[in-house]
Amino acid sequence: DTQIIEFRTADNKLVAVSLTDTLDDGLSAVYSFYDPQQTTRSL
C-alpha cells in the first residue's frame, strides 16, 4: 500500500513530494524530495 503525496503552492507549483507506505501500525517515509531553491520553507 503505497502513495505519492504532492505538496503545491497556491499557484500550483510543485515544491515537495513524499513516497510513503501505509503499515498496520503507521506510515513509513520511503523517500522525500523538495525544491532546493525554497530555502526559507525548510521543506
Full PDB file with SEQRES, HELIX, SHEET, SSBOND, CRYST1, ORIGX, SCALE, CONECT and MASTER records, all heavy atoms in Angstrom:
SEQRES   1 A   43  ASP THR GLN ILE ILE GLU PHE ARG THR ALA ASP ASN LYS          
SEQRES   2 A   43  LEU VAL ALA VAL SER LEU THR ASP THR LEU ASP ASP GLY          
SEQRES   3 A   43  LEU SER ALA VAL TYR SER PHE TYR ASP PRO GLN GLN THR          
SEQRES   4 A   43  THR ARG SER LEU                                              
HELIX    1 AA1 THR A   39  ARG A   41  5                                   3    
SHEET    1 AA1 3 THR A   2  ARG A   8  0                                        
SHEET    2 AA1 3 LEU A  14  LEU A  23 -1                                        
SHEET    3 AA1 3 GLY A  26  TYR A  34 -1                                        
CRYST1    1.000    1.000    1.000  90.00  90.00  90.00 P 1           1          
ORIGX1      1.000000  0.000000  0.000000        0.00000                         
ORIGX2      0.000000  1.000000  0.000000        0.00000                         
ORIGX3      0.000000  0.000000  1.000000        0.00000                         
SCALE1      1.000000  0.000000  0.000000        0.00000                         
SCALE2      0.000000  1.000000  0.000000        0.00000                         
SCALE3      0.000000  0.000000  1.000000        0.00000                         
ATOM      1  N   ASP A   1       0.848  -1.195   0.000  1.00  0.00           N  
ATOM      2  CA  ASP A   1       0.000   0.000   0.000  1.00  0.00           C  
ATOM      3  C   ASP A   1       0.883   1.245   0.000  1.00  0.00           C  
ATOM      4  O   ASP A   1       1.417   1.652   1.029  1.00  0.00           O  
ATOM      5  CB  ASP A   1      -0.903  -0.028   1.239  1.00  0.00           C  
ATOM      6  CG  ASP A   1      -1.954   1.076   1.231  1.00  0.00           C  
ATOM      7  OD1 ASP A   1      -1.945   1.900   0.295  1.00  0.00           O  
ATOM      8  OD2 ASP A   1      -2.782   1.109   2.167  1.00  0.00           O  
ATOM      9  N   THR A   2       1.041   1.854  -1.174  1.00  0.00           N  
ATOM     10  CA  THR A   2       1.973   2.962  -1.380  1.00  0.00           C  
ATOM     11  C   THR A   2       1.246   4.169  -1.944  1.00  0.00           C  
ATOM     12  O   THR A   2       0.332   4.021  -2.765  1.00  0.00           O  
ATOM     13  CB  THR A   2       3.104   2.538  -2.341  1.00  0.00           C  
ATOM     14  OG1 THR A   2       3.788   1.412  -1.794  1.00  0.00           O  
ATOM     15  CG2 THR A   2       4.092   3.668  -2.580  1.00  0.00           C  
ATOM     16  N   GLN A   3       1.658   5.361  -1.506  1.00  0.00           N  
ATOM     17  CA  GLN A   3       1.080   6.600  -2.013  1.00  0.00           C  
ATOM     18  C   GLN A   3       2.186   7.591  -2.345  1.00  0.00           C  
ATOM     19  O   GLN A   3       3.271   7.540  -1.796  1.00  0.00           O  
ATOM     20  CB  GLN A   3       0.153   7.266  -0.970  1.00  0.00           C  
ATOM     21  CG  GLN A   3      -0.966   6.395  -0.433  1.00  0.00           C  
ATOM     22  CD  GLN A   3      -0.491   5.478   0.673  1.00  0.00           C  
ATOM     23  OE1 GLN A   3       0.338   5.873   1.488  1.00  0.00           O  
ATOM     24  NE2 GLN A   3      -1.002   4.264   0.694  1.00  0.00           N  
ATOM     25  N   ILE A   4       1.856   8.489  -3.260  1.00  0.00           N  
ATOM     26  CA  ILE A   4       2.665   9.683  -3.513  1.00  0.00           C  
ATOM     27  C   ILE A   4       1.899  10.860  -2.917  1.00  0.00           C  
ATOM     28  O   ILE A   4       0.689  10.996  -3.131  1.00  0.00           O  
ATOM     29  CB  ILE A   4       2.877   9.904  -5.027  1.00  0.00           C  
ATOM     30  CG1 ILE A   4       4.040   9.052  -5.552  1.00  0.00           C  
ATOM     31  CG2 ILE A   4       3.132  11.363  -5.335  1.00  0.00           C  
ATOM     32  CD1 ILE A   4       5.411   9.659  -5.310  1.00  0.00           C  
ATOM     33  N   ILE A   5       2.601  11.715  -2.178  1.00  0.00           N  
ATOM     34  CA  ILE A   5       1.991  12.940  -1.675  1.00  0.00           C  
ATOM     35  C   ILE A   5       2.681  14.109  -2.359  1.00  0.00           C  
ATOM     36  O   ILE A   5       3.910  14.241  -2.290  1.00  0.00           O  
ATOM     37  CB  ILE A   5       2.129  13.071  -0.145  1.00  0.00           C  
ATOM     38  CG1 ILE A   5       1.597  11.817   0.544  1.00  0.00           C  
ATOM     39  CG2 ILE A   5       1.376  14.313   0.353  1.00  0.00           C  
ATOM     40  CD1 ILE A   5       1.812  11.814   2.052  1.00  0.00           C  
ATOM     41  N   GLU A   6       1.912  14.937  -3.046  1.00  0.00           N  
ATOM     42  CA  GLU A   6       2.443  16.132  -3.702  1.00  0.00           C  
ATOM     43  C   GLU A   6       2.095  17.362  -2.877  1.00  0.00           C  
ATOM     44  O   GLU A   6       0.948  17.521  -2.437  1.00  0.00           O  
ATOM     45  CB  GLU A   6       1.869  16.279  -5.111  1.00  0.00           C  
ATOM     46  CG  GLU A   6       2.344  15.219  -6.096  1.00  0.00           C  
ATOM     47  CD  GLU A   6       1.872  15.506  -7.519  1.00  0.00           C  
ATOM     48  OE1 GLU A   6       0.943  16.331  -7.682  1.00  0.00           O  
ATOM     49  OE2 GLU A   6       2.435  14.906  -8.447  1.00  0.00           O  
ATOM     50  N   PHE A   7       3.064  18.241  -2.707  1.00  0.00           N  
ATOM     51  CA  PHE A   7       2.868  19.492  -1.982  1.00  0.00           C  
ATOM     52  C   PHE A   7       3.010  20.642  -2.978  1.00  0.00           C  
ATOM     53  O   PHE A   7       4.030  20.746  -3.672  1.00  0.00           O  
ATOM     54  CB  PHE A   7       3.907  19.637  -0.868  1.00  0.00           C  
ATOM     55  CG  PHE A   7       3.818  18.558   0.182  1.00  0.00           C  
ATOM     56  CD1 PHE A   7       4.470  17.344  -0.003  1.00  0.00           C  
ATOM     57  CD2 PHE A   7       3.084  18.754   1.344  1.00  0.00           C  
ATOM     58  CE1 PHE A   7       4.408  16.340   0.962  1.00  0.00           C  
ATOM     59  CE2 PHE A   7       3.005  17.755   2.314  1.00  0.00           C  
ATOM     60  CZ  PHE A   7       3.661  16.546   2.121  1.00  0.00           C  
ATOM     61  N   ARG A   8       1.993  21.503  -3.034  1.00  0.00           N  
ATOM     62  CA  ARG A   8       1.970  22.585  -4.022  1.00  0.00           C  
ATOM     63  C   ARG A   8       1.655  23.929  -3.367  1.00  0.00           C  
ATOM     64  O   ARG A   8       0.944  24.001  -2.360  1.00  0.00           O  
ATOM     65  CB  ARG A   8       0.936  22.299  -5.119  1.00  0.00           C  
ATOM     66  CG  ARG A   8       1.253  21.065  -5.969  1.00  0.00           C  
ATOM     67  CD  ARG A   8       0.202  20.819  -7.032  1.00  0.00           C  
ATOM     68  NE  ARG A   8       0.518  19.652  -7.837  1.00  0.00           N  
ATOM     69  CZ  ARG A   8       1.289  19.668  -8.929  1.00  0.00           C  
ATOM     70  NH1 ARG A   8       1.789  20.832  -9.362  1.00  0.00           N  
ATOM     71  NH2 ARG A   8       1.542  18.561  -9.598  1.00  0.00           N  
ATOM     72  N   THR A   9       2.170  24.983  -3.993  1.00  0.00           N  
ATOM     73  CA  THR A   9       1.856  26.338  -3.568  1.00  0.00           C  
ATOM     74  C   THR A   9       0.489  26.732  -4.106  1.00  0.00           C  
ATOM     75  O   THR A   9      -0.126  25.995  -4.894  1.00  0.00           O  
ATOM     76  CB  THR A   9       2.918  27.318  -4.074  1.00  0.00           C  
ATOM     77  OG1 THR A   9       2.942  27.258  -5.510  1.00  0.00           O  
ATOM     78  CG2 THR A   9       4.301  26.955  -3.535  1.00  0.00           C  
ATOM     79  N   ALA A  10       0.030  27.921  -3.713  1.00  0.00           N  
ATOM     80  CA  ALA A  10      -1.293  28.390  -4.154  1.00  0.00           C  
ATOM     81  C   ALA A  10      -1.373  28.544  -5.669  1.00  0.00           C  
ATOM     82  O   ALA A  10      -2.465  28.433  -6.251  1.00  0.00           O  
ATOM     83  CB  ALA A  10      -1.634  29.708  -3.466  1.00  0.00           C  
ATOM     84  N   ASP A  11      -0.245  28.802  -6.313  1.00  0.00           N  
ATOM     85  CA  ASP A  11      -0.246  28.920  -7.780  1.00  0.00           C  
ATOM     86  C   ASP A  11       0.082  27.592  -8.464  1.00  0.00           C  
ATOM     87  O   ASP A  11       0.474  27.563  -9.628  1.00  0.00           O  
ATOM     88  CB  ASP A  11       0.713  30.017  -8.237  1.00  0.00           C  
ATOM     89  CG  ASP A  11       2.152  29.757  -7.806  1.00  0.00           C  
ATOM     90  OD1 ASP A  11       2.392  28.750  -7.094  1.00  0.00           O  
ATOM     91  OD2 ASP A  11       3.034  30.555  -8.175  1.00  0.00           O  
ATOM     92  N   ASN A  12      -0.059  26.489  -7.736  1.00  0.00           N  
ATOM     93  CA  ASN A  12       0.046  25.125  -8.255  1.00  0.00           C  
ATOM     94  C   ASN A  12       1.479  24.702  -8.576  1.00  0.00           C  
ATOM     95  O   ASN A  12       1.694  23.736  -9.313  1.00  0.00           O  
ATOM     96  CB  ASN A  12      -0.833  24.939  -9.504  1.00  0.00           C  
ATOM     97  CG  ASN A  12      -1.248  23.487  -9.684  1.00  0.00           C  
ATOM     98  OD1 ASN A  12      -1.543  22.790  -8.715  1.00  0.00           O  
ATOM     99  ND2 ASN A  12      -1.265  23.026 -10.926  1.00  0.00           N  
ATOM    100  N   LYS A  13       2.454  25.359  -8.012  1.00  0.00           N  
ATOM    101  CA  LYS A  13       3.845  24.959  -8.223  1.00  0.00           C  
ATOM    102  C   LYS A  13       4.175  23.784  -7.312  1.00  0.00           C  
ATOM    103  O   LYS A  13       3.963  23.847  -6.094  1.00  0.00           O  
ATOM    104  CB  LYS A  13       4.786  26.130  -7.927  1.00  0.00           C  
ATOM    105  CG  LYS A  13       6.278  25.777  -8.037  1.00  0.00           C  
ATOM    106  CD  LYS A  13       7.141  26.976  -7.763  1.00  0.00           C  
ATOM    107  CE  LYS A  13       8.624  26.620  -7.700  1.00  0.00           C  
ATOM    108  NZ  LYS A  13       9.118  26.034  -8.972  1.00  0.00           N  
ATOM    109  N   LEU A  14       4.700  22.709  -7.888  1.00  0.00           N  
ATOM    110  CA  LEU A  14       5.103  21.539  -7.114  1.00  0.00           C  
ATOM    111  C   LEU A  14       6.408  21.848  -6.396  1.00  0.00           C  
ATOM    112  O   LEU A  14       7.420  22.158  -7.025  1.00  0.00           O  
ATOM    113  CB  LEU A  14       5.280  20.331  -8.034  1.00  0.00           C  
ATOM    114  CG  LEU A  14       5.655  19.005  -7.360  1.00  0.00           C  
ATOM    115  CD1 LEU A  14       4.512  18.496  -6.493  1.00  0.00           C  
ATOM    116  CD2 LEU A  14       6.016  17.956  -8.425  1.00  0.00           C  
ATOM    117  N   VAL A  15       6.405  21.741  -5.042  1.00  0.00           N  
ATOM    118  CA  VAL A  15       7.603  22.083  -4.279  1.00  0.00           C  
ATOM    119  C   VAL A  15       8.137  20.925  -3.443  1.00  0.00           C  
ATOM    120  O   VAL A  15       9.273  20.980  -2.962  1.00  0.00           O  
ATOM    121  CB  VAL A  15       7.360  23.303  -3.366  1.00  0.00           C  
ATOM    122  CG1 VAL A  15       7.105  24.550  -4.200  1.00  0.00           C  
ATOM    123  CG2 VAL A  15       6.221  23.050  -2.389  1.00  0.00           C  
ATOM    124  N   ALA A  16       7.346  19.882  -3.254  1.00  0.00           N  
ATOM    125  CA  ALA A  16       7.835  18.733  -2.481  1.00  0.00           C  
ATOM    126  C   ALA A  16       7.013  17.503  -2.837  1.00  0.00           C  
ATOM    127  O   ALA A  16       5.841  17.593  -3.226  1.00  0.00           O  
ATOM    128  CB  ALA A  16       7.764  18.996  -0.981  1.00  0.00           C  
ATOM    129  N   VAL A  17       7.642  16.334  -2.686  1.00  0.00           N  
ATOM    130  CA  VAL A  17       6.997  15.048  -2.966  1.00  0.00           C  
ATOM    131  C   VAL A  17       7.457  14.054  -1.906  1.00  0.00           C  
ATOM    132  O   VAL A  17       8.626  14.041  -1.520  1.00  0.00           O  
ATOM    133  CB  VAL A  17       7.376  14.531  -4.370  1.00  0.00           C  
ATOM    134  CG1 VAL A  17       6.831  13.121  -4.593  1.00  0.00           C  
ATOM    135  CG2 VAL A  17       6.881  15.476  -5.457  1.00  0.00           C  
ATOM    136  N   SER A  18       6.528  13.237  -1.442  1.00  0.00           N  
ATOM    137  CA  SER A  18       6.879  12.184  -0.487  1.00  0.00           C  
ATOM    138  C   SER A  18       6.300  10.857  -0.959  1.00  0.00           C  
ATOM    139  O   SER A  18       5.094  10.752  -1.218  1.00  0.00           O  
ATOM    140  CB  SER A  18       6.347  12.521   0.910  1.00  0.00           C  
ATOM    141  OG  SER A  18       6.728  11.521   1.840  1.00  0.00           O  
ATOM    142  N   LEU A  19       7.153   9.845  -1.081  1.00  0.00           N  
ATOM    143  CA  LEU A  19       6.737   8.478  -1.376  1.00  0.00           C  
ATOM    144  C   LEU A  19       6.563   7.773  -0.037  1.00  0.00           C  
ATOM    145  O   LEU A  19       7.508   7.681   0.754  1.00  0.00           O  
ATOM    146  CB  LEU A  19       7.793   7.779  -2.230  1.00  0.00           C  
ATOM    147  CG  LEU A  19       7.500   6.337  -2.660  1.00  0.00           C  
ATOM    148  CD1 LEU A  19       6.288   6.287  -3.582  1.00  0.00           C  
ATOM    149  CD2 LEU A  19       8.723   5.734  -3.347  1.00  0.00           C  
ATOM    150  N   THR A  20       5.369   7.280   0.233  1.00  0.00           N  
ATOM    151  CA  THR A  20       5.008   6.815   1.569  1.00  0.00           C  
ATOM    152  C   THR A  20       4.269   5.489   1.502  1.00  0.00           C  
ATOM    153  O   THR A  20       3.429   5.289   0.618  1.00  0.00           O  
ATOM    154  CB  THR A  20       4.115   7.856   2.265  1.00  0.00           C  
ATOM    155  OG1 THR A  20       4.735   9.131   2.205  1.00  0.00           O  
ATOM    156  CG2 THR A  20       3.858   7.498   3.712  1.00  0.00           C  
ATOM    157  N   ASP A  21       4.571   4.593   2.426  1.00  0.00           N  
ATOM    158  CA  ASP A  21       3.851   3.320   2.558  1.00  0.00           C  
ATOM    159  C   ASP A  21       2.957   3.367   3.793  1.00  0.00           C  
ATOM    160  O   ASP A  21       3.314   3.963   4.816  1.00  0.00           O  
ATOM    161  CB  ASP A  21       4.828   2.151   2.715  1.00  0.00           C  
ATOM    162  CG  ASP A  21       5.626   1.865   1.458  1.00  0.00           C  
ATOM    163  OD1 ASP A  21       5.215   2.307   0.374  1.00  0.00           O  
ATOM    164  OD2 ASP A  21       6.667   1.186   1.570  1.00  0.00           O  
ATOM    165  N   THR A  22       1.812   2.707   3.701  1.00  0.00           N  
ATOM    166  CA  THR A  22       0.920   2.564   4.842  1.00  0.00           C  
ATOM    167  C   THR A  22       1.120   1.184   5.462  1.00  0.00           C  
ATOM    168  O   THR A  22       1.048   0.168   4.774  1.00  0.00           O  
ATOM    169  CB  THR A  22      -0.548   2.735   4.424  1.00  0.00           C  
ATOM    170  OG1 THR A  22      -0.726   4.052   3.878  1.00  0.00           O  
ATOM    171  CG2 THR A  22      -1.477   2.582   5.622  1.00  0.00           C  
ATOM    172  N   LEU A  23       1.381   1.165   6.769  1.00  0.00           N  
ATOM    173  CA  LEU A  23       1.606  -0.061   7.522  1.00  0.00           C  
ATOM    174  C   LEU A  23       0.450  -0.317   8.475  1.00  0.00           C  
ATOM    175  O   LEU A  23      -0.391   0.560   8.711  1.00  0.00           O  
ATOM    176  CB  LEU A  23       2.907   0.047   8.323  1.00  0.00           C  
ATOM    177  CG  LEU A  23       4.165   0.443   7.561  1.00  0.00           C  
ATOM    178  CD1 LEU A  23       5.305   0.695   8.536  1.00  0.00           C  
ATOM    179  CD2 LEU A  23       4.541  -0.643   6.559  1.00  0.00           C  
ATOM    180  N   ASP A  24       0.416  -1.498   9.054  1.00  0.00           N  
ATOM    181  CA  ASP A  24      -0.623  -1.806  10.038  1.00  0.00           C  
ATOM    182  C   ASP A  24      -0.556  -0.864  11.234  1.00  0.00           C  
ATOM    183  O   ASP A  24      -1.580  -0.536  11.830  1.00  0.00           O  
ATOM    184  CB  ASP A  24      -0.476  -3.255  10.535  1.00  0.00           C  
ATOM    185  CG  ASP A  24      -0.822  -4.275   9.467  1.00  0.00           C  
ATOM    186  OD1 ASP A  24      -1.421  -3.881   8.442  1.00  0.00           O  
ATOM    187  OD2 ASP A  24      -0.477  -5.458   9.649  1.00  0.00           O  
ATOM    188  N   ASP A  25       0.658  -0.439  11.603  1.00  0.00           N  
ATOM    189  CA  ASP A  25       0.811   0.390  12.792  1.00  0.00           C  
ATOM    190  C   ASP A  25       1.310   1.795  12.486  1.00  0.00           C  
ATOM    191  O   ASP A  25       1.799   2.488  13.373  1.00  0.00           O  
ATOM    192  CB  ASP A  25       1.748  -0.283  13.809  1.00  0.00           C  
ATOM    193  CG  ASP A  25       3.166  -0.450  13.274  1.00  0.00           C  
ATOM    194  OD1 ASP A  25       3.374  -0.254  12.054  1.00  0.00           O  
ATOM    195  OD2 ASP A  25       4.063  -0.781  14.076  1.00  0.00           O  
ATOM    196  N   GLY A  26       1.175   2.240  11.233  1.00  0.00           N  
ATOM    197  CA  GLY A  26       1.573   3.605  10.947  1.00  0.00           C  
ATOM    198  C   GLY A  26       1.915   3.857   9.499  1.00  0.00           C  
ATOM    199  O   GLY A  26       1.430   3.175   8.594  1.00  0.00           O  
ATOM    200  N   LEU A  27       2.767   4.843   9.283  1.00  0.00           N  
ATOM    201  CA  LEU A  27       3.257   5.186   7.958  1.00  0.00           C  
ATOM    202  C   LEU A  27       4.764   5.006   7.910  1.00  0.00           C  
ATOM    203  O   LEU A  27       5.447   5.140   8.935  1.00  0.00           O  
ATOM    204  CB  LEU A  27       2.914   6.636   7.601  1.00  0.00           C  
ATOM    205  CG  LEU A  27       1.437   7.001   7.476  1.00  0.00           C  
ATOM    206  CD1 LEU A  27       1.291   8.486   7.112  1.00  0.00           C  
ATOM    207  CD2 LEU A  27       0.735   6.135   6.439  1.00  0.00           C  
ATOM    208  N   SER A  28       5.273   4.728   6.727  1.00  0.00           N  
ATOM    209  CA  SER A  28       6.705   4.606   6.514  1.00  0.00           C  
ATOM    210  C   SER A  28       7.114   5.604   5.436  1.00  0.00           C  
ATOM    211  O   SER A  28       6.602   5.565   4.313  1.00  0.00           O  
ATOM    212  CB  SER A  28       7.072   3.184   6.069  1.00  0.00           C  
ATOM    213  OG  SER A  28       8.439   3.096   5.746  1.00  0.00           O  
ATOM    214  N   ALA A  29       8.011   6.516   5.787  1.00  0.00           N  
ATOM    215  CA  ALA A  29       8.511   7.512   4.838  1.00  0.00           C  
ATOM    216  C   ALA A  29       9.591   6.854   3.986  1.00  0.00           C  
ATOM    217  O   ALA A  29      10.724   6.679   4.435  1.00  0.00           O  
ATOM    218  CB  ALA A  29       9.059   8.721   5.587  1.00  0.00           C  
ATOM    219  N   VAL A  30       9.248   6.483   2.764  1.00  0.00           N  
ATOM    220  CA  VAL A  30      10.180   5.758   1.899  1.00  0.00           C  
ATOM    221  C   VAL A  30      11.232   6.703   1.325  1.00  0.00           C  
ATOM    222  O   VAL A  30      12.432   6.457   1.432  1.00  0.00           O  
ATOM    223  CB  VAL A  30       9.420   5.044   0.763  1.00  0.00           C  
ATOM    224  CG1 VAL A  30      10.393   4.334  -0.175  1.00  0.00           C  
ATOM    225  CG2 VAL A  30       8.408   4.068   1.342  1.00  0.00           C  
ATOM    226  N   TYR A  31      10.774   7.800   0.705  1.00  0.00           N  
ATOM    227  CA  TYR A  31      11.710   8.773   0.145  1.00  0.00           C  
ATOM    228  C   TYR A  31      10.975  10.082  -0.093  1.00  0.00           C  
ATOM    229  O   TYR A  31       9.836  10.082  -0.576  1.00  0.00           O  
ATOM    230  CB  TYR A  31      12.324   8.284  -1.165  1.00  0.00           C  
ATOM    231  CG  TYR A  31      13.511   9.116  -1.607  1.00  0.00           C  
ATOM    232  CD1 TYR A  31      14.760   8.904  -1.032  1.00  0.00           C  
ATOM    233  CD2 TYR A  31      13.376  10.119  -2.557  1.00  0.00           C  
ATOM    234  CE1 TYR A  31      15.859   9.673  -1.407  1.00  0.00           C  
ATOM    235  CE2 TYR A  31      14.471  10.895  -2.938  1.00  0.00           C  
ATOM    236  CZ  TYR A  31      15.705  10.667  -2.353  1.00  0.00           C  
ATOM    237  OH  TYR A  31      16.785  11.435  -2.713  1.00  0.00           O  
ATOM    238  N   SER A  32      11.611  11.188   0.249  1.00  0.00           N  
ATOM    239  CA  SER A  32      11.039  12.517   0.032  1.00  0.00           C  
ATOM    240  C   SER A  32      12.072  13.416  -0.628  1.00  0.00           C  
ATOM    241  O   SER A  32      13.275  13.261  -0.407  1.00  0.00           O  
ATOM    242  CB  SER A  32      10.578  13.135   1.359  1.00  0.00           C  
ATOM    243  OG  SER A  32       9.573  12.348   1.981  1.00  0.00           O  
ATOM    244  N   PHE A  33      11.590  14.365  -1.423  1.00  0.00           N  
ATOM    245  CA  PHE A  33      12.467  15.356  -2.037  1.00  0.00           C  
ATOM    246  C   PHE A  33      11.683  16.645  -2.220  1.00  0.00           C  
ATOM    247  O   PHE A  33      10.450  16.661  -2.131  1.00  0.00           O  
ATOM    248  CB  PHE A  33      13.034  14.844  -3.365  1.00  0.00           C  
ATOM    249  CG  PHE A  33      12.006  14.400  -4.370  1.00  0.00           C  
ATOM    250  CD1 PHE A  33      11.512  15.269  -5.326  1.00  0.00           C  
ATOM    251  CD2 PHE A  33      11.538  13.092  -4.368  1.00  0.00           C  
ATOM    252  CE1 PHE A  33      10.566  14.852  -6.262  1.00  0.00           C  
ATOM    253  CE2 PHE A  33      10.587  12.664  -5.295  1.00  0.00           C  
ATOM    254  CZ  PHE A  33      10.105  13.547  -6.236  1.00  0.00           C  
ATOM    255  N   TYR A  34      12.418  17.735  -2.459  1.00  0.00           N  
ATOM    256  CA  TYR A  34      11.756  19.037  -2.469  1.00  0.00           C  
ATOM    257  C   TYR A  34      12.568  20.040  -3.274  1.00  0.00           C  
ATOM    258  O   TYR A  34      13.714  19.774  -3.673  1.00  0.00           O  
ATOM    259  CB  TYR A  34      11.556  19.545  -1.037  1.00  0.00           C  
ATOM    260  CG  TYR A  34      12.814  19.504  -0.189  1.00  0.00           C  
ATOM    261  CD1 TYR A  34      13.719  20.558  -0.197  1.00  0.00           C  
ATOM    262  CD2 TYR A  34      13.103  18.397   0.597  1.00  0.00           C  
ATOM    263  CE1 TYR A  34      14.876  20.520   0.566  1.00  0.00           C  
ATOM    264  CE2 TYR A  34      14.257  18.348   1.367  1.00  0.00           C  
ATOM    265  CZ  TYR A  34      15.133  19.411   1.342  1.00  0.00           C  
ATOM    266  OH  TYR A  34      16.283  19.367   2.092  1.00  0.00           O  
ATOM    267  N   ASP A  35      11.971  21.204  -3.511  1.00  0.00           N  
ATOM    268  CA  ASP A  35      12.597  22.272  -4.278  1.00  0.00           C  
ATOM    269  C   ASP A  35      13.759  22.854  -3.469  1.00  0.00           C  
ATOM    270  O   ASP A  35      13.541  23.479  -2.426  1.00  0.00           O  
ATOM    271  CB  ASP A  35      11.558  23.351  -4.566  1.00  0.00           C  
ATOM    272  CG  ASP A  35      12.095  24.460  -5.474  1.00  0.00           C  
ATOM    273  OD1 ASP A  35      13.319  24.537  -5.673  1.00  0.00           O  
ATOM    274  OD2 ASP A  35      11.272  25.264  -5.962  1.00  0.00           O  
ATOM    275  N   PRO A  36      14.997  22.676  -3.913  1.00  0.00           N  
ATOM    276  CA  PRO A  36      16.141  23.161  -3.138  1.00  0.00           C  
ATOM    277  C   PRO A  36      16.267  24.680  -3.128  1.00  0.00           C  
ATOM    278  O   PRO A  36      17.028  25.234  -2.338  1.00  0.00           O  
ATOM    279  CB  PRO A  36      17.342  22.517  -3.842  1.00  0.00           C  
ATOM    280  CG  PRO A  36      16.878  22.317  -5.253  1.00  0.00           C  
ATOM    281  CD  PRO A  36      15.412  22.002  -5.159  1.00  0.00           C  
ATOM    282  N   GLN A  37      15.497  25.351  -3.994  1.00  0.00           N  
ATOM    283  CA  GLN A  37      15.544  26.814  -4.026  1.00  0.00           C  
ATOM    284  C   GLN A  37      14.653  27.451  -2.961  1.00  0.00           C  
ATOM    285  O   GLN A  37      14.819  28.620  -2.629  1.00  0.00           O  
ATOM    286  CB  GLN A  37      15.113  27.316  -5.420  1.00  0.00           C  
ATOM    287  CG  GLN A  37      15.920  26.741  -6.577  1.00  0.00           C  
ATOM    288  CD  GLN A  37      17.405  26.996  -6.430  1.00  0.00           C  
ATOM    289  OE1 GLN A  37      17.813  28.095  -6.064  1.00  0.00           O  
ATOM    290  NE2 GLN A  37      18.221  25.981  -6.714  1.00  0.00           N  
ATOM    291  N   GLN A  38      13.739  26.659  -2.418  1.00  0.00           N  
ATOM    292  CA  GLN A  38      12.806  27.183  -1.400  1.00  0.00           C  
ATOM    293  C   GLN A  38      13.449  27.065  -0.017  1.00  0.00           C  
ATOM    294  O   GLN A  38      12.950  26.365   0.876  1.00  0.00           O  
ATOM    295  CB  GLN A  38      11.494  26.398  -1.464  1.00  0.00           C  
ATOM    296  CG  GLN A  38      10.803  26.431  -2.804  1.00  0.00           C  
ATOM    297  CD  GLN A  38       9.835  27.609  -2.927  1.00  0.00           C  
ATOM    298  OE1 GLN A  38       9.443  28.215  -1.951  1.00  0.00           O  
ATOM    299  NE2 GLN A  38       9.436  27.900  -4.156  1.00  0.00           N  
ATOM    300  N   THR A  39      14.544  27.764   0.175  1.00  0.00           N  
ATOM    301  CA  THR A  39      15.346  27.563   1.381  1.00  0.00           C  
ATOM    302  C   THR A  39      14.663  28.049   2.655  1.00  0.00           C  
ATOM    303  O   THR A  39      14.917  27.516   3.733  1.00  0.00           O  
ATOM    304  CB  THR A  39      16.706  28.264   1.228  1.00  0.00           C  
ATOM    305  OG1 THR A  39      16.474  29.646   0.917  1.00  0.00           O  
ATOM    306  CG2 THR A  39      17.514  27.626   0.106  1.00  0.00           C  
ATOM    307  N   THR A  40      13.816  29.054   2.568  1.00  0.00           N  
ATOM    308  CA  THR A  40      13.209  29.609   3.784  1.00  0.00           C  
ATOM    309  C   THR A  40      12.086  28.739   4.333  1.00  0.00           C  
ATOM    310  O   THR A  40      11.679  28.907   5.478  1.00  0.00           O  
ATOM    311  CB  THR A  40      12.658  31.015   3.515  1.00  0.00           C  
ATOM    312  OG1 THR A  40      11.644  30.946   2.495  1.00  0.00           O  
ATOM    313  CG2 THR A  40      13.776  31.951   3.067  1.00  0.00           C  
ATOM    314  N   ARG A  41      11.604  27.810   3.543  1.00  0.00           N  
ATOM    315  CA  ARG A  41      10.476  26.979   3.969  1.00  0.00           C  
ATOM    316  C   ARG A  41      10.893  25.784   4.835  1.00  0.00           C  
ATOM    317  O   ARG A  41      10.063  25.227   5.532  1.00  0.00           O  
ATOM    318  CB  ARG A  41       9.711  26.456   2.748  1.00  0.00           C  
ATOM    319  CG  ARG A  41       8.850  27.491   2.038  1.00  0.00           C  
ATOM    320  CD  ARG A  41       8.039  26.840   0.934  1.00  0.00           C  
ATOM    321  NE  ARG A  41       7.124  27.749   0.267  1.00  0.00           N  
ATOM    322  CZ  ARG A  41       5.881  28.011   0.665  1.00  0.00           C  
ATOM    323  NH1 ARG A  41       5.419  27.405   1.763  1.00  0.00           N  
ATOM    324  NH2 ARG A  41       5.108  28.831  -0.006  1.00  0.00           N  
ATOM    325  N   SER A  42      12.139  25.339   4.751  1.00  0.00           N  
ATOM    326  CA  SER A  42      12.576  24.116   5.445  1.00  0.00           C  
ATOM    327  C   SER A  42      11.648  22.959   5.078  1.00  0.00           C  
ATOM    328  O   SER A  42      11.052  22.292   5.932  1.00  0.00           O  
ATOM    329  CB  SER A  42      12.591  24.331   6.960  1.00  0.00           C  
ATOM    330  OG  SER A  42      13.445  25.379   7.318  1.00  0.00           O  
ATOM    331  N   LEU A  43      11.556  22.704   3.778  1.00  0.00           N  
ATOM    332  CA  LEU A  43      10.571  21.744   3.277  1.00  0.00           C  
ATOM    333  C   LEU A  43      10.836  20.321   3.746  1.00  0.00           C  
ATOM    334  O   LEU A  43       9.893  19.552   3.954  1.00  0.00           O  
ATOM    335  CB  LEU A  43      10.536  21.798   1.744  1.00  0.00           C  
ATOM    336  CG  LEU A  43       9.843  23.030   1.160  1.00  0.00           C  
ATOM    337  CD1 LEU A  43      10.125  23.156  -0.331  1.00  0.00           C  
ATOM    338  CD2 LEU A  43       8.336  22.975   1.418  1.00  0.00           C  
TER     339      LEU A  43                                                      
MASTER        0    0    0    1    3    0    0    6  338    1    0    4          
END                                                                             
